[in-house]
């Protein structure tokens, strides 16, 4: 598969390609680069979703992630997602936004482990730092009125690297829904049937009943139980 077909995936047309190629040039994209775990017709890319593809690219001499709106996407543009990334600029929560247009988003390229893999292999100090940061990120998202929409499947949307925790892929995010980021991530980490849930509960000396109560109180607007949880993490 050629780059042209990725730019106009899944239905290629010369007219659409020429428009999109001009967009890429105007954004400052210098080169598209093969690489990633997802394979489309033998071509390695970073990711494939129902509305977009993500591939590596070179922008101003550095590696970036380029999100491409699929030609069969139900989204008219990438503007909504870009607007949300702009709101999160310099907050170290999401990939940094560099540029965008109707069909593309140019953003920071992140390499790391997904949250599931990280938890299963982390030591107690690493675990506490990462979980605390993730909870704090979700509280900020909730306060900003941004609902990510997919944190109930956090393994695909949370990356941990060095001392950083980032939430990625805001294509399902909305400013028009009641945010449920914190309750979604708490449920995923502590209440799911994932093999690491018991590990976390035991590591922080918590019960499922306690965590459920924290989530219920937070939904009512009472943040103190969650702050208690954060302080409890800090004390371990």
C-alpha atoms as a PDB file:
ATOM      1  CA  UNK A   1       0.000   0.000   0.000  1.00  0.00           C
ATOM      2  CA  UNK A   2       1.339   3.415  -0.906  1.00  0.00           C
ATOM      3  CA  UNK A   3       1.258   6.588   1.185  1.00  0.00           C
ATOM      4  CA  UNK A   4      -1.297   8.013  -1.240  1.00  0.00           C
ATOM      5  CA  UNK A   5      -3.729   5.295  -0.264  1.00  0.00           C
ATOM      6  CA  UNK A   6      -3.182   5.927   3.441  1.00  0.00           C
ATOM      7  CA  UNK A   7      -3.860   9.629   2.993  1.00  0.00           C
ATOM      8  CA  UNK A   8      -7.142   8.702   1.273  1.00  0.00           C
ATOM      9  CA  UNK A   9      -8.001   5.526   3.163  1.00  0.00           C
ATOM     10  CA  UNK A  10     -10.100   3.458   2.539  1.00  0.00           C
ATOM     11  CA  UNK A  11     -11.413   4.881  -0.737  1.00  0.00           C
ATOM     12  CA  UNK A  12      -8.796   6.562  -2.917  1.00  0.00           C
ATOM     13  CA  UNK A  13      -9.611   9.235  -5.450  1.00  0.00           C
ATOM     14  CA  UNK A  14      -7.135  11.436  -7.285  1.00  0.00           C
ATOM     15  CA  UNK A  15      -9.177  14.571  -6.645  1.00  0.00           C
ATOM     16  CA  UNK A  16      -9.398  13.970  -2.886  1.00  0.00           C
ATOM     17  CA  UNK A  17      -5.734  13.029  -2.700  1.00  0.00           C
ATOM     18  CA  UNK A  18      -4.654  16.273  -4.365  1.00  0.00           C
ATOM     19  CA  UNK A  19      -6.705  18.292  -1.870  1.00  0.00           C
ATOM     20  CA  UNK A  20      -5.280  16.397   1.083  1.00  0.00           C
ATOM     21  CA  UNK A  21      -1.730  16.553  -0.235  1.00  0.00           C
ATOM     22  CA  UNK A  22      -2.031  20.350  -0.421  1.00  0.00           C
ATOM     23  CA  UNK A  23      -3.310  20.341   3.180  1.00  0.00           C
ATOM     24  CA  UNK A  24      -0.294  18.343   4.335  1.00  0.00           C
ATOM     25  CA  UNK A  25       2.064  20.756   2.604  1.00  0.00           C
ATOM     26  CA  UNK A  26       0.346  23.759   4.175  1.00  0.00           C
ATOM     27  CA  UNK A  27       0.689  22.142   7.620  1.00  0.00           C
ATOM     28  CA  UNK A  28       4.430  21.699   7.152  1.00  0.00           C
ATOM     29  CA  UNK A  29       4.589  17.904   6.963  1.00  0.00           C
ATOM     30  CA  UNK A  30       7.923  16.967   5.398  1.00  0.00           C
ATOM     31  CA  UNK A  31       7.702  13.200   5.175  1.00  0.00           C
ATOM     32  CA  UNK A  32       5.511  10.238   6.057  1.00  0.00           C
ATOM     33  CA  UNK A  33       7.268   7.369   7.841  1.00  0.00           C
ATOM     34  CA  UNK A  34       6.409   3.686   8.170  1.00  0.00           C
ATOM     35  CA  UNK A  35       6.316   2.289  11.698  1.00  0.00           C
ATOM     36  CA  UNK A  36       3.971   0.970  14.358  1.00  0.00           C
ATOM     37  CA  UNK A  37       2.169  -2.153  15.530  1.00  0.00           C
ATOM     38  CA  UNK A  38      -0.890  -1.865  13.293  1.00  0.00           C
ATOM     39  CA  UNK A  39      -0.601  -3.272   9.787  1.00  0.00           C
ATOM     40  CA  UNK A  40      -2.733  -2.317   6.790  1.00  0.00           C
ATOM     41  CA  UNK A  41      -1.977  -4.419   3.723  1.00  0.00           C
ATOM     42  CA  UNK A  42       1.546  -4.987   4.944  1.00  0.00           C
ATOM     43  CA  UNK A  43       2.153  -1.352   5.818  1.00  0.00           C
ATOM     44  CA  UNK A  44       3.009  -0.560   9.465  1.00  0.00           C
ATOM     45  CA  UNK A  45       1.195   2.380  11.039  1.00  0.00           C
ATOM     46  CA  UNK A  46       0.578   3.627  14.580  1.00  0.00           C
ATOM     47  CA  UNK A  47      -3.155   3.007  14.724  1.00  0.00           C
ATOM     48  CA  UNK A  48      -6.427   2.469  12.913  1.00  0.00           C
ATOM     49  CA  UNK A  49      -9.878   3.505  14.121  1.00  0.00           C
ATOM     50  CA  UNK A  50     -13.344   3.766  12.666  1.00  0.00           C
ATOM     51  CA  UNK A  51     -12.880   7.444  11.820  1.00  0.00           C
ATOM     52  CA  UNK A  52      -9.132   7.877  11.386  1.00  0.00           C
ATOM     53  CA  UNK A  53      -5.665   6.443  10.887  1.00  0.00           C
ATOM     54  CA  UNK A  54      -2.545   7.506  12.774  1.00  0.00           C
ATOM     55  CA  UNK A  55       0.847   7.316  11.113  1.00  0.00           C
ATOM     56  CA  UNK A  56       4.342   8.574  11.863  1.00  0.00           C
ATOM     57  CA  UNK A  57       5.541  11.671  10.047  1.00  0.00           C
ATOM     58  CA  UNK A  58       8.299  14.255  10.052  1.00  0.00           C
ATOM     59  CA  UNK A  59       7.309  17.817  10.994  1.00  0.00           C
ATOM     60  CA  UNK A  60       9.911  20.554  11.368  1.00  0.00           C
ATOM     61  CA  UNK A  61      12.605  17.912  11.514  1.00  0.00           C
ATOM     62  CA  UNK A  62      11.098  15.781  14.282  1.00  0.00           C
ATOM     63  CA  UNK A  63       8.945  12.691  14.593  1.00  0.00           C
ATOM     64  CA  UNK A  64       5.236  13.383  15.096  1.00  0.00           C
ATOM     65  CA  UNK A  65       1.978  11.453  15.031  1.00  0.00           C
ATOM     66  CA  UNK A  66      -0.234  12.399  12.104  1.00  0.00           C
ATOM     67  CA  UNK A  67      -3.936  11.637  12.479  1.00  0.00           C
ATOM     68  CA  UNK A  68      -5.738  11.299   9.151  1.00  0.00           C
ATOM     69  CA  UNK A  69      -9.522  11.528   8.771  1.00  0.00           C
ATOM     70  CA  UNK A  70     -10.751   8.470   6.905  1.00  0.00           C
ATOM     71  CA  UNK A  71     -12.656   9.109   3.689  1.00  0.00           C
ATOM     72  CA  UNK A  72     -15.577   7.083   5.081  1.00  0.00           C
ATOM     73  CA  UNK A  73     -15.565   8.870   8.448  1.00  0.00           C
ATOM     74  CA  UNK A  74     -18.837  10.109   9.933  1.00  0.00           C
ATOM     75  CA  UNK A  75     -16.943  13.191  11.140  1.00  0.00           C
ATOM     76  CA  UNK A  76     -17.009  16.209   8.864  1.00  0.00           C
ATOM     77  CA  UNK A  77     -13.610  17.431  10.052  1.00  0.00           C
ATOM     78  CA  UNK A  78     -10.921  17.130  12.705  1.00  0.00           C
ATOM     79  CA  UNK A  79     -11.724  20.527  14.187  1.00  0.00           C
ATOM     80  CA  UNK A  80     -13.570  19.343  17.300  1.00  0.00           C
ATOM     81  CA  UNK A  81     -10.782  17.029  18.388  1.00  0.00           C
ATOM     82  CA  UNK A  82      -8.183  19.715  17.665  1.00  0.00           C
ATOM     83  CA  UNK A  83     -10.158  22.223  19.743  1.00  0.00           C
ATOM     84  CA  UNK A  84     -10.054  19.855  22.730  1.00  0.00           C
ATOM     85  CA  UNK A  85      -6.312  19.263  22.298  1.00  0.00           C
ATOM     86  CA  UNK A  86      -5.834  23.038  22.232  1.00  0.00           C
ATOM     87  CA  UNK A  87      -7.667  23.276  25.562  1.00  0.00           C
ATOM     88  CA  UNK A  88      -5.189  20.770  27.005  1.00  0.00           C
ATOM     89  CA  UNK A  89      -2.075  22.455  25.661  1.00  0.00           C
ATOM     90  CA  UNK A  90       0.770  22.672  28.209  1.00  0.00           C
ATOM     91  CA  UNK A  91      -1.143  20.584  30.777  1.00  0.00           C
ATOM     92  CA  UNK A  92       0.845  17.372  30.135  1.00  0.00           C
ATOM     93  CA  UNK A  93      -2.375  15.372  29.898  1.00  0.00           C
ATOM     94  CA  UNK A  94      -2.683  14.751  26.156  1.00  0.00           C
ATOM     95  CA  UNK A  95      -0.241  14.723  23.230  1.00  0.00           C
ATOM     96  CA  UNK A  96       0.874  18.250  22.390  1.00  0.00           C
ATOM     97  CA  UNK A  97      -0.955  19.720  19.398  1.00  0.00           C
ATOM     98  CA  UNK A  98       1.316  21.207  16.712  1.00  0.00           C
ATOM     99  CA  UNK A  99      -1.018  21.916  13.773  1.00  0.00           C
ATOM    100  CA  UNK A 100      -4.320  20.840  12.255  1.00  0.00           C
ATOM    101  CA  UNK A 101      -6.619  21.201   9.268  1.00  0.00           C
ATOM    102  CA  UNK A 102      -9.907  19.756   8.078  1.00  0.00           C
ATOM    103  CA  UNK A 103      -8.477  16.280   7.500  1.00  0.00           C
ATOM    104  CA  UNK A 104      -5.342  16.114   9.660  1.00  0.00           C
ATOM    105  CA  UNK A 105      -4.018  16.615  13.169  1.00  0.00           C
ATOM    106  CA  UNK A 106      -0.274  16.914  13.761  1.00  0.00           C
ATOM    107  CA  UNK A 107       0.623  16.072  17.341  1.00  0.00           C
ATOM    108  CA  UNK A 108       3.333  14.851  19.654  1.00  0.00           C
ATOM    109  CA  UNK A 109       4.583  11.325  18.995  1.00  0.00           C
ATOM    110  CA  UNK A 110       4.558   9.320  22.230  1.00  0.00           C
ATOM    111  CA  UNK A 111       6.245   5.990  22.871  1.00  0.00           C
ATOM    112  CA  UNK A 112       5.501   4.025  26.004  1.00  0.00           C
ATOM    113  CA  UNK A 113       3.581   1.153  27.559  1.00  0.00           C
ATOM    114  CA  UNK A 114      -0.174   0.974  27.731  1.00  0.00           C
ATOM    115  CA  UNK A 115      -1.598   1.241  31.247  1.00  0.00           C
ATOM    116  CA  UNK A 116      -2.306  -2.506  31.574  1.00  0.00           C
ATOM    117  CA  UNK A 117       1.242  -3.515  30.685  1.00  0.00           C
ATOM    118  CA  UNK A 118       2.675  -0.803  32.908  1.00  0.00           C
ATOM    119  CA  UNK A 119       0.681  -1.840  35.994  1.00  0.00           C
ATOM    120  CA  UNK A 120       1.583  -5.495  35.656  1.00  0.00           C
ATOM    121  CA  UNK A 121       5.307  -4.695  35.503  1.00  0.00           C
ATOM    122  CA  UNK A 122       5.664  -1.601  37.697  1.00  0.00           C
ATOM    123  CA  UNK A 123       7.182  -1.515  41.156  1.00  0.00           C
ATOM    124  CA  UNK A 124       5.214   0.081  43.996  1.00  0.00           C
ATOM    125  CA  UNK A 125       6.814   3.540  43.677  1.00  0.00           C
ATOM    126  CA  UNK A 126       6.238   3.682  39.912  1.00  0.00           C
ATOM    127  CA  UNK A 127       2.678   2.451  40.384  1.00  0.00           C
ATOM    128  CA  UNK A 128       1.757   5.067  42.968  1.00  0.00           C
ATOM    129  CA  UNK A 129       3.166   7.959  40.912  1.00  0.00           C
ATOM    130  CA  UNK A 130       1.421   6.879  37.730  1.00  0.00           C
ATOM    131  CA  UNK A 131      -2.003   6.125  39.234  1.00  0.00           C
ATOM    132  CA  UNK A 132      -1.959   9.416  41.167  1.00  0.00           C
ATOM    133  CA  UNK A 133      -1.136  11.366  38.001  1.00  0.00           C
ATOM    134  CA  UNK A 134      -3.814   9.571  36.005  1.00  0.00           C
ATOM    135  CA  UNK A 135      -6.475  10.310  38.617  1.00  0.00           C
ATOM    136  CA  UNK A 136      -5.419  13.965  38.725  1.00  0.00           C
ATOM    137  CA  UNK A 137      -5.544  14.163  34.909  1.00  0.00           C
ATOM    138  CA  UNK A 138      -9.106  12.830  34.950  1.00  0.00           C
ATOM    139  CA  UNK A 139     -10.181  15.350  37.592  1.00  0.00           C
ATOM    140  CA  UNK A 140      -8.813  18.185  35.421  1.00  0.00           C
ATOM    141  CA  UNK A 141     -10.645  16.851  32.358  1.00  0.00           C
ATOM    142  CA  UNK A 142     -13.868  16.713  34.369  1.00  0.00           C
ATOM    143  CA  UNK A 143     -13.393  20.297  35.587  1.00  0.00           C
ATOM    144  CA  UNK A 144     -12.781  21.493  32.016  1.00  0.00           C
ATOM    145  CA  UNK A 145     -16.005  19.836  30.867  1.00  0.00           C
ATOM    146  CA  UNK A 146     -14.211  17.424  28.538  1.00  0.00           C
ATOM    147  CA  UNK A 147     -15.537  13.876  28.437  1.00  0.00           C
ATOM    148  CA  UNK A 148     -12.973  11.613  26.775  1.00  0.00           C
ATOM    149  CA  UNK A 149     -15.587   8.961  26.096  1.00  0.00           C
ATOM    150  CA  UNK A 150     -13.319   5.925  25.903  1.00  0.00           C
ATOM    151  CA  UNK A 151     -11.602   5.632  29.284  1.00  0.00           C
ATOM    152  CA  UNK A 152     -13.687   2.592  30.113  1.00  0.00           C
ATOM    153  CA  UNK A 153     -11.188   0.860  27.770  1.00  0.00           C
ATOM    154  CA  UNK A 154      -8.149   2.658  29.130  1.00  0.00           C
ATOM    155  CA  UNK A 155      -5.667   0.101  27.797  1.00  0.00           C
ATOM    156  CA  UNK A 156      -6.061   1.720  24.365  1.00  0.00           C
ATOM    157  CA  UNK A 157      -6.027   5.295  25.613  1.00  0.00           C
ATOM    158  CA  UNK A 158      -3.473   5.695  28.414  1.00  0.00           C
ATOM    159  CA  UNK A 159       0.292   5.617  27.810  1.00  0.00           C
ATOM    160  CA  UNK A 160       2.975   5.614  30.504  1.00  0.00           C
ATOM    161  CA  UNK A 161       6.598   6.497  29.772  1.00  0.00           C
ATOM    162  CA  UNK A 162       9.414   7.641  32.049  1.00  0.00           C
ATOM    163  CA  UNK A 163       7.571   9.626  34.749  1.00  0.00           C
ATOM    164  CA  UNK A 164       4.783  10.761  32.431  1.00  0.00           C
ATOM    165  CA  UNK A 165       1.214   9.577  32.001  1.00  0.00           C
ATOM    166  CA  UNK A 166      -0.693  10.730  28.920  1.00  0.00           C
ATOM    167  CA  UNK A 167      -4.242  10.194  27.738  1.00  0.00           C
ATOM    168  CA  UNK A 168      -4.460   9.791  23.971  1.00  0.00           C
ATOM    169  CA  UNK A 169      -7.022   9.549  21.163  1.00  0.00           C
ATOM    170  CA  UNK A 170      -9.637  12.205  21.855  1.00  0.00           C
ATOM    171  CA  UNK A 171     -11.628  11.482  18.700  1.00  0.00           C
ATOM    172  CA  UNK A 172     -14.684  10.406  20.726  1.00  0.00           C
ATOM    173  CA  UNK A 173     -14.303  13.275  23.201  1.00  0.00           C
ATOM    174  CA  UNK A 174     -17.075  15.810  23.696  1.00  0.00           C
ATOM    175  CA  UNK A 175     -17.734  19.111  25.403  1.00  0.00           C
ATOM    176  CA  UNK A 176     -21.467  18.418  25.307  1.00  0.00           C
ATOM    177  CA  UNK A 177     -21.681  15.362  27.579  1.00  0.00           C
ATOM    178  CA  UNK A 178     -21.407  15.179  31.326  1.00  0.00           C
ATOM    179  CA  UNK A 179     -17.761  14.261  31.961  1.00  0.00           C
ATOM    180  CA  UNK A 180     -17.213  10.796  33.417  1.00  0.00           C
ATOM    181  CA  UNK A 181     -13.447  10.533  33.118  1.00  0.00           C
ATOM    182  CA  UNK A 182     -12.682  10.010  36.798  1.00  0.00           C
ATOM    183  CA  UNK A 183     -15.452   7.494  37.444  1.00  0.00           C
ATOM    184  CA  UNK A 184     -14.532   5.611  34.247  1.00  0.00           C
ATOM    185  CA  UNK A 185     -10.859   5.333  35.161  1.00  0.00           C
ATOM    186  CA  UNK A 186     -11.574   4.395  38.786  1.00  0.00           C
ATOM    187  CA  UNK A 187     -13.903   1.642  37.604  1.00  0.00           C
ATOM    188  CA  UNK A 188     -11.362   0.425  35.059  1.00  0.00           C
ATOM    189  CA  UNK A 189      -8.463   0.337  37.500  1.00  0.00           C
ATOM    190  CA  UNK A 190     -10.082  -0.946  40.673  1.00  0.00           C
ATOM    191  CA  UNK A 191     -13.442  -2.513  39.827  1.00  0.00           C
ATOM    192  CA  UNK A 192     -12.957  -4.355  36.544  1.00  0.00           C
ATOM    193  CA  UNK A 193     -12.156  -8.037  36.087  1.00  0.00           C
ATOM    194  CA  UNK A 194      -8.713  -7.120  34.810  1.00  0.00           C
ATOM    195  CA  UNK A 195      -5.920  -9.203  36.417  1.00  0.00           C
ATOM    196  CA  UNK A 196      -4.352  -6.064  37.868  1.00  0.00           C
ATOM    197  CA  UNK A 197      -7.452  -4.811  39.731  1.00  0.00           C
ATOM    198  CA  UNK A 198      -6.856  -7.073  42.717  1.00  0.00           C
ATOM    199  CA  UNK A 199      -3.181  -6.122  42.620  1.00  0.00           C
ATOM    200  CA  UNK A 200      -4.106  -2.428  42.944  1.00  0.00           C
ATOM    201  CA  UNK A 201      -6.674  -3.007  45.677  1.00  0.00           C
ATOM    202  CA  UNK A 202      -4.186  -5.017  47.693  1.00  0.00           C
ATOM    203  CA  UNK A 203      -1.321  -2.601  47.021  1.00  0.00           C
ATOM    204  CA  UNK A 204      -3.293   0.354  48.386  1.00  0.00           C
ATOM    205  CA  UNK A 205      -5.230  -1.572  51.024  1.00  0.00           C
ATOM    206  CA  UNK A 206      -8.604  -0.738  49.494  1.00  0.00           C
ATOM    207  CA  UNK A 207     -11.821  -2.691  49.119  1.00  0.00           C
ATOM    208  CA  UNK A 208     -14.178  -2.578  46.162  1.00  0.00           C
ATOM    209  CA  UNK A 209     -16.875  -1.200  48.482  1.00  0.00           C
ATOM    210  CA  UNK A 210     -14.635   1.741  49.432  1.00  0.00           C
ATOM    211  CA  UNK A 211     -13.840   2.510  45.813  1.00  0.00           C
ATOM    212  CA  UNK A 212     -17.511   2.355  44.843  1.00  0.00           C
ATOM    213  CA  UNK A 213     -18.314   4.819  47.623  1.00  0.00           C
ATOM    214  CA  UNK A 214     -15.564   7.179  46.428  1.00  0.00           C
ATOM    215  CA  UNK A 215     -17.059   7.096  42.914  1.00  0.00           C
ATOM    216  CA  UNK A 216     -20.641   7.638  44.160  1.00  0.00           C
ATOM    217  CA  UNK A 217     -19.642  10.651  46.258  1.00  0.00           C
ATOM    218  CA  UNK A 218     -17.670  12.128  43.361  1.00  0.00           C
ATOM    219  CA  UNK A 219     -20.721  11.837  41.104  1.00  0.00           C
ATOM    220  CA  UNK A 220     -22.648  13.852  43.705  1.00  0.00           C
ATOM    221  CA  UNK A 221     -20.032  16.605  43.478  1.00  0.00           C
ATOM    222  CA  UNK A 222     -18.144  15.682  46.636  1.00  0.00           C
ATOM    223  CA  UNK A 223     -14.456  15.574  45.708  1.00  0.00           C
ATOM    224  CA  UNK A 224     -13.111  14.960  49.224  1.00  0.00           C
ATOM    225  CA  UNK A 225     -13.265  11.116  49.084  1.00  0.00           C
ATOM    226  CA  UNK A 226     -11.212  11.166  45.876  1.00  0.00           C
ATOM    227  CA  UNK A 227      -8.712  13.561  47.447  1.00  0.00           C
ATOM    228  CA  UNK A 228      -8.550  11.122  50.358  1.00  0.00           C
ATOM    229  CA  UNK A 229      -7.717   8.376  47.860  1.00  0.00           C
ATOM    230  CA  UNK A 230      -4.955  10.513  46.333  1.00  0.00           C
ATOM    231  CA  UNK A 231      -3.507  11.254  49.761  1.00  0.00           C
ATOM    232  CA  UNK A 232      -3.689   7.551  50.584  1.00  0.00           C
ATOM    233  CA  UNK A 233      -1.698   6.766  47.431  1.00  0.00           C
ATOM    234  CA  UNK A 234       0.919   9.329  48.440  1.00  0.00           C
ATOM    235  CA  UNK A 235       1.343   7.686  51.837  1.00  0.00           C
ATOM    236  CA  UNK A 236       2.343   4.313  50.388  1.00  0.00           C
END
